[in-house]
Amino acid sequence: MAKARLKRVSRERDFLAAADLAHTIWREHYAGIISSDQIEYMLEQFQSVPAIKNADAQGCEYYLIRVLGVNAGYVAIEPNHPQGKLFLSKIYLLKEYRGKGYARDVLDEVREMARGLRLKSIWLTVAKNNRSSLAAYEHLGFTNTEDICKDIGGGFVMDDYVMELPI
């Protein structure tokens, strides 16, 4: 089976591709997990082209997940956030690419990036009621380290677990 590879988002078409993937993935995956109003709010605030470009300019690195030359999803990382750790800000795959080992391929590449920077762990946040993602992260070796609830504006909160993977 082909492996997933990461391609750094750097050109306008890459930013558009990441935002398009977000709109497809979020509307499909998060229906039933968060409200459609919150999905649309979060897409506009955090997954639109301007939001992705802004995050990129502030040090959040975006990558397209490619499988056999096709965009299968996207990932974003923030090295040394906080110091000594890598924040896996986003990891999203289209439905047809889930459950096929591609998340492990992505995590392997991200882990190598973190090792190269001499970081000690990778961490992420995941919605408490996002059962499929929680199971996937646990399968990949992440453990729940904390509960957080964060106001994200618009009358919405992110009620999440913090999960961490030692390197």
Protein backbone atom coordinates (compact mmCIF):
# COMPACT_ATOMS: atom_id res chain seq x y z
CA MET A 1 0.00 0.00 0.00
CA ALA A 2 1.19 3.52 -0.78
CA LYS A 3 2.35 5.66 2.13
CA ALA A 4 1.00 9.09 2.93
CA ARG A 5 3.54 11.87 2.48
CA LEU A 6 3.53 15.46 3.68
CA LYS A 7 3.90 18.42 1.31
CA ARG A 8 4.52 21.83 2.90
CA VAL A 9 1.79 24.37 2.13
CA SER A 10 3.56 27.33 0.56
CA ARG A 11 1.69 28.48 -2.55
CA GLU A 12 -1.74 30.00 -3.01
CA ARG A 13 -3.13 26.80 -4.51
CA ASP A 14 -1.89 24.85 -1.46
CA PHE A 15 -3.69 27.22 0.91
CA LEU A 16 -6.85 26.86 -1.20
CA ALA A 17 -6.49 23.07 -1.19
CA ALA A 18 -6.14 22.96 2.61
CA ALA A 19 -9.21 25.18 3.09
CA ASP A 20 -11.23 23.09 0.60
CA LEU A 21 -10.25 19.90 2.41
CA ALA A 22 -11.26 21.48 5.72
CA HIS A 23 -14.70 22.39 4.42
CA THR A 24 -15.31 18.87 3.13
CA ILE A 25 -13.89 17.03 6.13
CA TRP A 26 -15.39 19.21 8.85
CA ARG A 27 -18.93 19.15 7.48
CA GLU A 28 -18.81 15.36 7.15
CA HIS A 29 -16.90 14.40 10.30
CA TYR A 30 -18.16 16.89 12.87
CA ALA A 31 -21.89 16.60 12.08
CA GLY A 32 -23.34 15.09 15.25
CA ILE A 33 -20.27 16.03 17.31
CA ILE A 34 -20.74 19.80 17.31
CA SER A 35 -23.58 21.94 15.94
CA SER A 36 -23.66 22.97 12.29
CA ASP A 37 -23.46 26.60 13.47
CA GLN A 38 -20.25 25.84 15.36
CA ILE A 39 -18.83 23.95 12.36
CA GLU A 40 -19.43 26.94 10.09
CA TYR A 41 -18.05 29.37 12.69
CA MET A 42 -14.89 27.32 13.16
CA LEU A 43 -14.38 26.86 9.42
CA GLU A 44 -14.52 30.62 8.92
CA GLN A 45 -12.44 31.53 11.97
CA PHE A 46 -9.80 28.79 11.83
CA GLN A 47 -9.92 26.87 8.53
CA SER A 48 -10.49 29.53 5.84
CA VAL A 49 -7.68 30.61 3.51
CA PRO A 50 -7.11 33.89 5.43
CA ALA A 51 -7.11 32.03 8.78
CA ILE A 52 -4.66 29.40 7.50
CA LYS A 53 -2.37 32.07 6.02
CA ASN A 54 -2.47 34.03 9.27
CA ALA A 55 -1.63 30.94 11.35
CA ASP A 56 1.16 30.06 8.91
CA ALA A 57 2.62 33.57 9.21
CA GLN A 58 2.65 33.11 13.00
CA GLY A 59 4.66 29.88 12.87
CA CYS A 60 2.03 27.19 12.43
CA GLU A 61 3.30 24.94 9.63
CA TYR A 62 0.67 23.47 7.30
CA TYR A 63 1.17 20.36 5.19
CA LEU A 64 -1.03 18.62 2.67
CA ILE A 65 -1.31 14.88 3.22
CA ARG A 66 -0.69 13.29 -0.17
CA VAL A 67 -1.39 9.69 -1.19
CA LEU A 68 -0.30 8.69 -4.69
CA GLY A 69 -0.26 12.36 -5.71
CA VAL A 70 -3.77 13.07 -4.40
CA ASN A 71 -4.61 15.41 -1.51
CA ALA A 72 -6.05 13.12 1.15
CA GLY A 73 -6.07 15.62 4.01
CA TYR A 74 -3.95 18.15 5.84
CA VAL A 75 -1.98 18.59 9.03
CA ALA A 76 -0.63 21.58 10.95
CA ILE A 77 2.09 21.64 13.57
CA GLU A 78 3.56 24.18 15.96
CA PRO A 79 7.09 23.20 17.01
CA ASN A 80 8.19 24.23 20.52
CA HIS A 81 4.65 25.09 21.61
CA PRO A 82 5.29 25.05 24.53
CA GLN A 83 9.05 24.74 24.72
CA GLY A 84 10.19 21.15 24.29
CA LYS A 85 6.92 19.92 22.77
CA LEU A 86 5.32 19.86 19.34
CA PHE A 87 1.65 20.81 19.08
CA LEU A 88 -0.17 18.76 16.47
CA SER A 89 -2.69 21.50 15.81
CA LYS A 90 -4.59 19.75 13.04
CA ILE A 91 -4.70 16.32 11.45
CA TYR A 92 -7.60 15.69 9.12
CA LEU A 93 -8.15 12.98 6.51
CA LEU A 94 -10.95 12.65 4.00
CA LYS A 95 -13.36 9.86 4.96
CA GLU A 96 -12.16 7.47 2.26
CA TYR A 97 -8.58 7.63 3.60
CA ARG A 98 -9.39 6.93 7.25
CA GLY A 99 -8.67 3.56 8.79
CA LYS A 100 -6.01 2.68 6.23
CA GLY A 101 -2.86 3.52 8.19
CA TYR A 102 -2.29 6.98 6.71
CA ALA A 103 -2.59 8.72 10.08
CA ARG A 104 0.28 6.54 11.30
CA ASP A 105 2.33 7.54 8.23
CA VAL A 106 1.66 11.20 9.03
CA LEU A 107 2.47 10.72 12.70
CA ASP A 108 5.74 8.98 11.76
CA GLU A 109 6.78 12.02 9.69
CA VAL A 110 5.72 14.44 12.41
CA ARG A 111 7.59 12.38 15.00
CA GLU A 112 10.76 12.58 12.85
CA MET A 113 10.35 16.36 12.61
CA ALA A 114 10.04 16.55 16.40
CA ARG A 115 13.06 14.31 16.91
CA GLY A 116 15.05 16.49 14.53
CA LEU A 117 14.20 19.46 16.73
CA ARG A 118 15.05 17.45 19.87
CA LEU A 119 11.55 17.80 21.28
CA LYS A 120 10.30 15.41 23.94
CA SER A 121 6.65 14.90 23.01
CA ILE A 122 3.78 15.59 20.62
CA TRP A 123 0.47 16.83 22.00
CA LEU A 124 -2.97 17.62 20.61
CA THR A 125 -6.50 18.45 21.66
CA VAL A 126 -9.59 16.48 20.70
CA ALA A 127 -13.29 17.03 21.42
CA LYS A 128 -14.42 14.90 24.34
CA ASN A 129 -17.33 13.46 22.37
CA ASN A 130 -15.30 12.78 19.20
CA ARG A 131 -15.21 9.05 19.90
CA SER A 132 -13.68 7.89 16.61
CA SER A 133 -10.79 10.36 16.84
CA LEU A 134 -10.19 9.56 20.51
CA ALA A 135 -9.94 5.86 19.64
CA ALA A 136 -7.60 6.60 16.73
CA TYR A 137 -5.27 8.71 18.88
CA GLU A 138 -5.22 6.08 21.62
CA HIS A 139 -4.42 3.44 18.98
CA LEU A 140 -1.50 5.62 17.85
CA GLY A 141 -0.14 5.74 21.41
CA PHE A 142 -1.46 9.06 22.73
CA THR A 143 -2.71 9.23 26.32
CA ASN A 144 -5.18 11.63 27.88
CA THR A 145 -3.35 14.07 30.15
CA GLU A 146 -5.88 16.82 30.86
CA ASP A 147 -9.42 18.18 30.33
CA ILE A 148 -9.79 21.71 28.98
CA CYS A 149 -12.70 23.92 28.03
CA LYS A 150 -11.81 26.98 25.95
CA ASP A 151 -14.01 29.86 24.81
CA ILE A 152 -13.43 30.31 21.06
CA GLY A 153 -15.80 33.23 20.55
CA GLY A 154 -19.14 33.39 18.81
CA GLY A 155 -20.79 31.84 21.87
CA PHE A 156 -18.91 28.56 21.33
CA VAL A 157 -16.45 26.55 23.41
CA MET A 158 -14.07 23.72 22.67
CA ASP A 159 -14.57 21.07 25.36
CA ASP A 160 -11.51 18.90 24.79
CA TYR A 161 -9.06 16.39 26.11
CA VAL A 162 -5.36 17.09 25.85
CA MET A 163 -3.53 13.99 24.61
CA GLU A 164 0.22 13.49 24.52
CA LEU A 165 2.67 11.10 22.92
CA PRO A 166 6.24 10.85 24.22
CA ILE A 167 8.86 10.71 21.49
